[in-house]
Amino acid sequence: MFLHRAMRYYRLWIYSCNLVLLVSVVAFVSLAAWIVSDFRMSLFPSIDLRHPSLLYAYLALALQGGILQAIGCIGAIRMNERLLNVYWTLMLLLLFGDVVLGVVWLFRFHYLSGHLKEELRTRLGEQYGIDPEFQMLWDRLQNEQGCCGVDGPKDFGSSEWLKKERQDFPQHRQLVPRSCCKLRPSLREPEPLNITCVETDRNPSLIHLPGCYEAVHRWLQHAADVLCVLGFCVIAFLKLCFLGILRYEIREMIQKIKVLRDMSESPGLMDPTGPASLLPGPAMAAKLRRQRSSTEQKPPPNGNNNEAEPSSSPTKKNSSPE
């Protein structure tokens, strides 16, 4: 039947949109989890994962990670126009929320980028050598990125770490931590090329001269680009396209649902095998039902075409002979 084939077509559209959106959301969540779990994320204490905008993001991802798809699929399977309208409205609200969230984090990213160097200098001067967790984090950054300090080795000159080293070991001339030294390649534990590398005034070529700011800023920019491209250029664009497509498809599907209901209430009134354009709407179906009921209430005529007519000739009296 043509009508049932059309319903399968509309369902296929909804299933396809749900699948593409679900795959995109899963990819976004996986990349976001990978970025958040990176040790360099601890260098940005101003990024609070409990920020109100991120709480909305968690809710939106949960909705798009299965709940929204379930509403759309159930509405299509059961041919429930209310669920289909809820499905489309939720997708519209999520798209609007994505735009607001993108604008909020655009300004926050510019703030983070503009104040990144100042914050790193402050933390390096005040927390390195005092906070063991931050010291391990910064040492790892310097070892992996081949850098020293924020802008260079001189950043340790006024740090709390150097003051503490001078108090504890006044006879040493250590000016930079050991993680600033260039290491000898080794499969187990790399060792400095020279133990005197921490004394930068003797042989500056034994330490890393570039600062770590560029490496940290480059990582932050790369993480922001990945999340922006996948979150807004892909997911938000897909939802925008789906809203335009599904608006027409869901509207047509709801009209077909109403036609199927009329057919179930009055079977035999319509020919569902014909093209959809020839199918009468609800108003025409109601008019046909009224005509049919009035026809059934009319008394049926006799079997003969004409009513019984009286005899055309009078009965002749039998005459008896006298």
Protein backbone atom coordinates (compact mmCIF):
# COMPACT_ATOMS: atom_id res chain seq x y z
CA MET A 1 0.00 0.00 0.00
CA PHE A 2 1.24 3.45 -0.90
CA LEU A 3 0.44 4.97 2.49
CA HIS A 4 2.37 2.32 4.40
CA ARG A 5 5.34 2.70 2.04
CA ALA A 6 5.33 6.44 2.73
CA MET A 7 5.31 5.80 6.49
CA ARG A 8 8.34 3.53 6.15
CA TYR A 9 10.11 6.29 4.23
CA TYR A 10 9.46 8.86 6.98
CA ARG A 11 10.61 6.42 9.66
CA LEU A 12 13.81 5.76 7.73
CA TRP A 13 14.57 9.47 7.71
CA ILE A 14 14.11 9.74 11.48
CA TYR A 15 16.22 6.63 12.12
CA SER A 16 19.03 7.93 9.90
CA CYS A 17 19.09 11.35 11.55
CA ASN A 18 19.14 9.78 15.00
CA LEU A 19 22.00 7.45 14.09
CA VAL A 20 24.19 10.20 12.63
CA LEU A 21 23.56 12.46 15.63
CA LEU A 22 24.30 9.65 18.09
CA VAL A 23 27.61 8.77 16.41
CA SER A 24 28.65 12.45 16.42
CA VAL A 25 27.81 12.83 20.11
CA VAL A 26 29.74 9.68 21.05
CA ALA A 27 32.78 10.95 19.12
CA PHE A 28 32.54 14.34 20.82
CA VAL A 29 32.27 12.81 24.31
CA SER A 30 35.25 10.54 23.63
CA LEU A 31 37.46 13.42 22.48
CA ALA A 32 36.33 15.65 25.35
CA ALA A 33 37.14 12.92 27.89
CA TRP A 34 40.57 12.44 26.29
CA ILE A 35 41.31 16.18 26.53
CA VAL A 36 40.08 16.53 30.12
CA SER A 37 42.16 13.53 31.24
CA ASP A 38 45.38 15.08 29.86
CA PHE A 39 47.80 16.19 32.60
CA ARG A 40 48.10 19.66 31.03
CA MET A 41 44.47 20.31 31.91
CA SER A 42 45.62 20.84 35.52
CA LEU A 43 47.49 23.94 34.39
CA PHE A 44 44.15 25.74 33.98
CA PRO A 45 42.53 25.94 37.44
CA SER A 46 40.13 28.59 36.15
CA ILE A 47 38.41 25.93 34.01
CA ASP A 48 35.92 24.54 36.51
CA LEU A 49 34.18 21.39 35.31
CA ARG A 50 31.23 22.35 37.53
CA HIS A 51 30.68 25.65 35.72
CA PRO A 52 26.94 26.25 34.97
CA SER A 53 27.58 26.28 31.23
CA LEU A 54 29.29 22.89 31.47
CA LEU A 55 26.44 21.52 33.58
CA TYR A 56 24.12 22.39 30.70
CA ALA A 57 26.56 20.69 28.31
CA TYR A 58 26.40 17.48 30.36
CA LEU A 59 22.59 17.56 30.26
CA ALA A 60 22.52 18.28 26.51
CA LEU A 61 24.95 15.44 25.77
CA ALA A 62 22.87 13.05 27.87
CA LEU A 63 19.72 14.03 25.96
CA GLN A 64 21.43 13.66 22.59
CA GLY A 65 23.16 10.45 23.63
CA GLY A 66 20.03 8.33 23.64
CA ILE A 67 16.99 10.05 25.14
CA LEU A 68 16.25 12.26 22.13
CA GLN A 69 16.74 9.32 19.75
CA ALA A 70 14.41 7.14 21.82
CA ILE A 71 11.64 9.77 21.71
CA GLY A 72 11.95 10.11 17.93
CA CYS A 73 12.05 6.37 17.23
CA ILE A 74 9.15 5.56 19.57
CA GLY A 75 7.09 8.36 18.05
CA ALA A 76 7.79 7.05 14.54
CA ILE A 77 7.08 3.41 15.42
CA ARG A 78 3.85 4.12 17.31
CA MET A 79 2.87 6.92 14.90
CA ASN A 80 2.35 9.26 17.86
CA GLU A 81 2.13 12.84 16.65
CA ARG A 82 2.64 14.23 20.16
CA LEU A 83 5.97 12.44 20.59
CA LEU A 84 7.07 13.54 17.12
CA ASN A 85 6.33 17.17 17.99
CA VAL A 86 8.23 16.80 21.29
CA TYR A 87 11.16 15.29 19.38
CA TRP A 88 11.36 18.20 16.94
CA THR A 89 10.93 20.83 19.69
CA LEU A 90 13.68 19.28 21.83
CA MET A 91 16.08 19.32 18.89
CA LEU A 92 15.29 23.00 18.29
CA LEU A 93 15.91 23.87 21.95
CA LEU A 94 19.20 21.94 21.94
CA LEU A 95 20.36 23.83 18.86
CA PHE A 96 19.55 27.13 20.55
CA GLY A 97 21.44 26.00 23.65
CA ASP A 98 24.46 25.05 21.53
CA VAL A 99 24.61 28.56 20.10
CA VAL A 100 24.44 30.16 23.56
CA LEU A 101 27.08 27.78 24.94
CA GLY A 102 29.37 28.48 22.00
CA VAL A 103 29.15 32.25 22.53
CA VAL A 104 29.86 31.89 26.28
CA TRP A 105 32.96 29.75 25.75
CA LEU A 106 34.21 31.92 22.91
CA PHE A 107 34.60 34.79 25.37
CA ARG A 108 36.01 32.50 28.07
CA PHE A 109 38.63 31.14 25.67
CA HIS A 110 39.78 34.64 24.77
CA TYR A 111 40.06 35.43 28.48
CA LEU A 112 42.07 32.27 29.18
CA SER A 113 44.41 32.90 26.27
CA GLY A 114 44.98 36.52 27.24
CA HIS A 115 45.79 35.74 30.88
CA LEU A 116 47.56 32.40 30.38
CA LYS A 117 51.16 33.66 30.55
CA GLU A 118 50.51 35.77 33.63
CA GLU A 119 48.81 32.89 35.46
CA LEU A 120 51.62 30.46 34.61
CA ARG A 121 54.26 32.88 35.88
CA THR A 122 52.35 33.41 39.12
CA ARG A 123 51.89 29.70 39.76
CA LEU A 124 55.49 28.89 38.86
CA GLY A 125 56.84 31.55 41.21
CA GLU A 126 54.54 30.78 44.13
CA GLN A 127 53.76 27.05 43.91
CA TYR A 128 56.81 25.37 42.35
CA GLY A 129 58.78 23.78 45.18
CA ILE A 130 55.91 24.44 47.61
CA ASP A 131 53.09 22.38 46.08
CA PRO A 132 54.43 18.87 45.29
CA GLU A 133 51.58 18.13 42.88
CA PHE A 134 52.22 21.26 40.82
CA GLN A 135 55.98 20.62 40.91
CA MET A 136 55.53 17.11 39.50
CA LEU A 137 53.19 18.48 36.85
CA TRP A 138 55.62 21.20 35.76
CA ASP A 139 58.61 18.85 35.77
CA ARG A 140 56.73 16.46 33.51
CA LEU A 141 55.85 19.32 31.17
CA GLN A 142 59.49 20.44 30.96
CA ASN A 143 60.77 16.91 30.37
CA GLU A 144 58.24 16.06 27.64
CA GLN A 145 58.22 19.41 25.84
CA GLY A 146 61.93 20.21 26.21
CA CYS A 147 61.33 23.61 27.79
CA CYS A 148 62.24 25.48 30.95
CA GLY A 149 60.20 28.02 32.88
CA VAL A 150 57.43 30.06 31.27
CA ASP A 151 59.53 32.28 29.01
CA GLY A 152 62.88 30.73 29.84
CA PRO A 153 65.20 29.58 32.66
CA LYS A 154 65.31 33.06 34.21
CA ASP A 155 61.73 32.62 35.48
CA PHE A 156 63.11 30.53 38.35
CA GLY A 157 65.31 33.42 39.56
CA SER A 158 62.58 34.93 41.77
CA SER A 159 60.68 31.74 42.57
CA GLU A 160 59.96 30.38 46.03
CA TRP A 161 61.71 27.19 44.95
CA LEU A 162 65.07 28.96 44.45
CA LYS A 163 64.76 30.76 47.79
CA LYS A 164 64.16 27.44 49.50
CA GLU A 165 67.10 25.83 47.69
CA ARG A 166 69.44 28.65 48.76
CA GLN A 167 68.34 28.26 52.37
CA ASP A 168 68.63 24.45 52.46
CA PHE A 169 71.78 24.13 50.32
CA PRO A 170 73.71 27.39 50.51
CA GLN A 171 76.87 25.79 49.11
CA HIS A 172 75.14 24.75 45.85
CA ARG A 173 74.87 27.02 42.86
CA GLN A 174 71.68 25.45 41.45
CA LEU A 175 69.73 27.96 39.38
CA VAL A 176 67.18 25.75 37.56
CA PRO A 177 65.54 22.43 38.45
CA ARG A 178 66.88 19.21 37.04
CA SER A 179 63.90 18.86 34.67
CA CYS A 180 65.31 21.80 32.68
CA CYS A 181 68.42 19.83 31.76
CA LYS A 182 68.85 18.16 28.40
CA LEU A 183 68.71 14.41 28.91
CA ARG A 184 70.84 11.62 27.59
CA PRO A 185 68.66 9.20 25.56
CA SER A 186 67.86 6.09 27.58
CA LEU A 187 65.20 3.41 27.50
CA ARG A 188 64.90 3.27 31.29
CA GLU A 189 65.57 6.50 33.15
CA PRO A 190 67.06 9.32 31.07
CA GLU A 191 69.90 11.12 32.84
CA PRO A 192 71.16 14.69 32.33
CA LEU A 193 74.01 15.14 29.89
CA ASN A 194 76.02 16.78 32.65
CA ILE A 195 75.30 16.98 36.36
CA THR A 196 76.41 20.62 36.37
CA CYS A 197 73.64 21.55 33.95
CA VAL A 198 71.61 23.08 36.78
CA GLU A 199 74.31 25.76 37.07
CA THR A 200 73.27 27.70 34.00
CA ASP A 201 76.07 30.23 34.27
CA ARG A 202 78.65 27.51 33.61
CA ASN A 203 77.25 25.90 30.48
CA PRO A 204 73.89 27.23 29.23
CA SER A 205 73.93 24.81 26.27
CA LEU A 206 73.16 21.92 28.65
CA ILE A 207 69.65 23.15 29.49
CA HIS A 208 66.49 23.83 27.54
CA LEU A 209 66.33 27.51 26.70
CA PRO A 210 62.78 27.82 25.24
CA GLY A 211 59.98 28.57 27.67
CA CYS A 212 56.95 26.31 28.14
CA TYR A 213 54.34 28.98 27.41
CA GLU A 214 54.26 28.31 23.68
CA ALA A 215 53.82 24.56 24.20
CA VAL A 216 50.98 25.06 26.69
CA HIS A 217 49.23 27.67 24.54
CA ARG A 218 49.58 25.48 21.45
CA TRP A 219 47.97 22.54 23.27
CA LEU A 220 45.11 24.73 24.54
CA GLN A 221 44.48 26.08 21.03
CA HIS A 222 44.50 22.59 19.53
CA ALA A 223 42.06 21.25 22.15
CA ALA A 224 39.71 24.20 21.60
CA ASP A 225 39.83 23.74 17.82
CA VAL A 226 38.96 20.04 18.07
CA LEU A 227 36.01 20.61 20.40
CA CYS A 228 34.76 23.59 18.40
CA VAL A 229 34.90 21.81 15.05
CA LEU A 230 33.19 18.66 16.29
CA GLY A 231 30.78 20.31 18.70
CA PHE A 232 29.58 23.23 16.63
CA CYS A 233 30.72 22.83 13.04
CA VAL A 234 29.51 19.20 12.97
CA ILE A 235 26.89 18.49 15.64
CA ALA A 236 25.19 21.90 15.57
CA PHE A 237 25.23 21.96 11.76
CA LEU A 238 23.74 18.46 11.64
CA LYS A 239 20.93 19.49 13.98
CA LEU A 240 20.25 22.56 11.86
CA CYS A 241 19.97 20.41 8.72
CA PHE A 242 17.85 17.79 10.49
CA LEU A 243 15.47 20.45 11.79
CA GLY A 244 14.87 21.71 8.26
CA ILE A 245 14.42 18.22 6.82
CA LEU A 246 12.43 16.71 9.66
CA ARG A 247 10.09 19.68 9.89
CA TYR A 248 8.64 18.74 6.51
CA GLU A 249 8.92 14.99 7.04
CA ILE A 250 7.27 15.02 10.47
CA ARG A 251 4.49 17.30 9.22
CA GLU A 252 3.78 14.94 6.33
CA MET A 253 3.99 11.96 8.66
CA ILE A 254 1.43 13.50 11.03
CA GLN A 255 -0.95 14.08 8.10
CA LYS A 256 -0.59 10.44 7.07
CA ILE A 257 -1.24 9.36 10.66
CA LYS A 258 -4.53 11.29 10.62
CA VAL A 259 -5.48 9.69 7.30
CA LEU A 260 -4.76 6.23 8.70
CA ARG A 261 -6.95 6.99 11.70
CA ASP A 262 -9.80 8.05 9.42
CA MET A 263 -9.36 4.84 7.44
CA SER A 264 -9.49 2.73 10.59
CA GLU A 265 -12.68 4.50 11.71
CA SER A 266 -14.41 4.19 8.30
CA PRO A 267 -12.96 1.31 6.30
CA GLY A 268 -13.74 1.18 2.61
CA LEU A 269 -14.11 4.95 2.09
CA MET A 270 -10.69 5.46 0.51
CA ASP A 271 -8.38 3.62 -1.78
CA PRO A 272 -4.97 3.63 -0.02
CA THR A 273 -3.24 2.20 -3.07
CA GLY A 274 -3.62 5.42 -5.04
CA PRO A 275 -1.31 8.41 -4.91
CA ALA A 276 -1.31 10.46 -1.76
CA SER A 277 -2.57 13.53 -3.59
CA LEU A 278 -5.86 11.75 -4.39
CA LEU A 279 -6.56 10.70 -0.82
CA PRO A 280 -9.33 12.80 0.75
CA GLY A 281 -8.51 14.74 3.85
CA PRO A 282 -10.35 14.51 7.18
CA ALA A 283 -13.06 17.00 6.15
CA MET A 284 -13.84 15.09 2.95
CA ALA A 285 -13.86 11.80 4.83
CA ALA A 286 -16.40 13.18 7.32
CA LYS A 287 -18.60 14.39 4.45
CA LEU A 288 -18.48 10.95 2.83
CA ARG A 289 -19.45 9.31 6.12
CA ARG A 290 -22.50 11.60 6.46
CA GLN A 291 -23.59 10.81 2.90
CA ARG A 292 -23.22 7.11 3.54
CA SER A 293 -25.25 7.23 6.77
CA SER A 294 -28.08 9.19 5.09
CA THR A 295 -28.16 6.65 2.26
CA GLU A 296 -28.41 3.73 4.67
CA GLN A 297 -31.37 5.33 6.54
CA LYS A 298 -33.52 5.70 3.33
CA PRO A 299 -36.17 2.84 3.04
CA PRO A 300 -35.45 0.47 0.19
CA PRO A 301 -37.91 0.39 -2.78
CA ASN A 302 -40.08 -2.64 -3.80
CA GLY A 303 -38.80 -5.34 -6.04
CA ASN A 304 -40.90 -4.08 -9.01
CA ASN A 305 -40.05 -0.85 -10.76
CA ASN A 306 -43.70 0.42 -10.69
CA GLU A 307 -46.28 0.37 -7.95
CA ALA A 308 -49.18 -2.07 -8.19
CA GLU A 309 -51.75 -0.62 -10.56
CA PRO A 310 -55.49 -1.35 -10.35
CA SER A 311 -57.03 -3.51 -13.06
CA SER A 312 -57.53 -1.41 -16.20
CA SER A 313 -60.75 -3.18 -17.30
CA PRO A 314 -63.76 -3.81 -15.05
CA THR A 315 -64.77 -7.36 -14.36
CA LYS A 316 -67.40 -8.51 -16.77
CA LYS A 317 -70.52 -9.95 -15.31
CA ASN A 318 -71.52 -13.32 -16.54
CA SER A 319 -74.81 -13.07 -18.33
CA SER A 320 -77.16 -16.02 -17.96
CA PRO A 321 -79.80 -16.74 -20.62
CA GLU A 322 -83.26 -16.11 -19.53
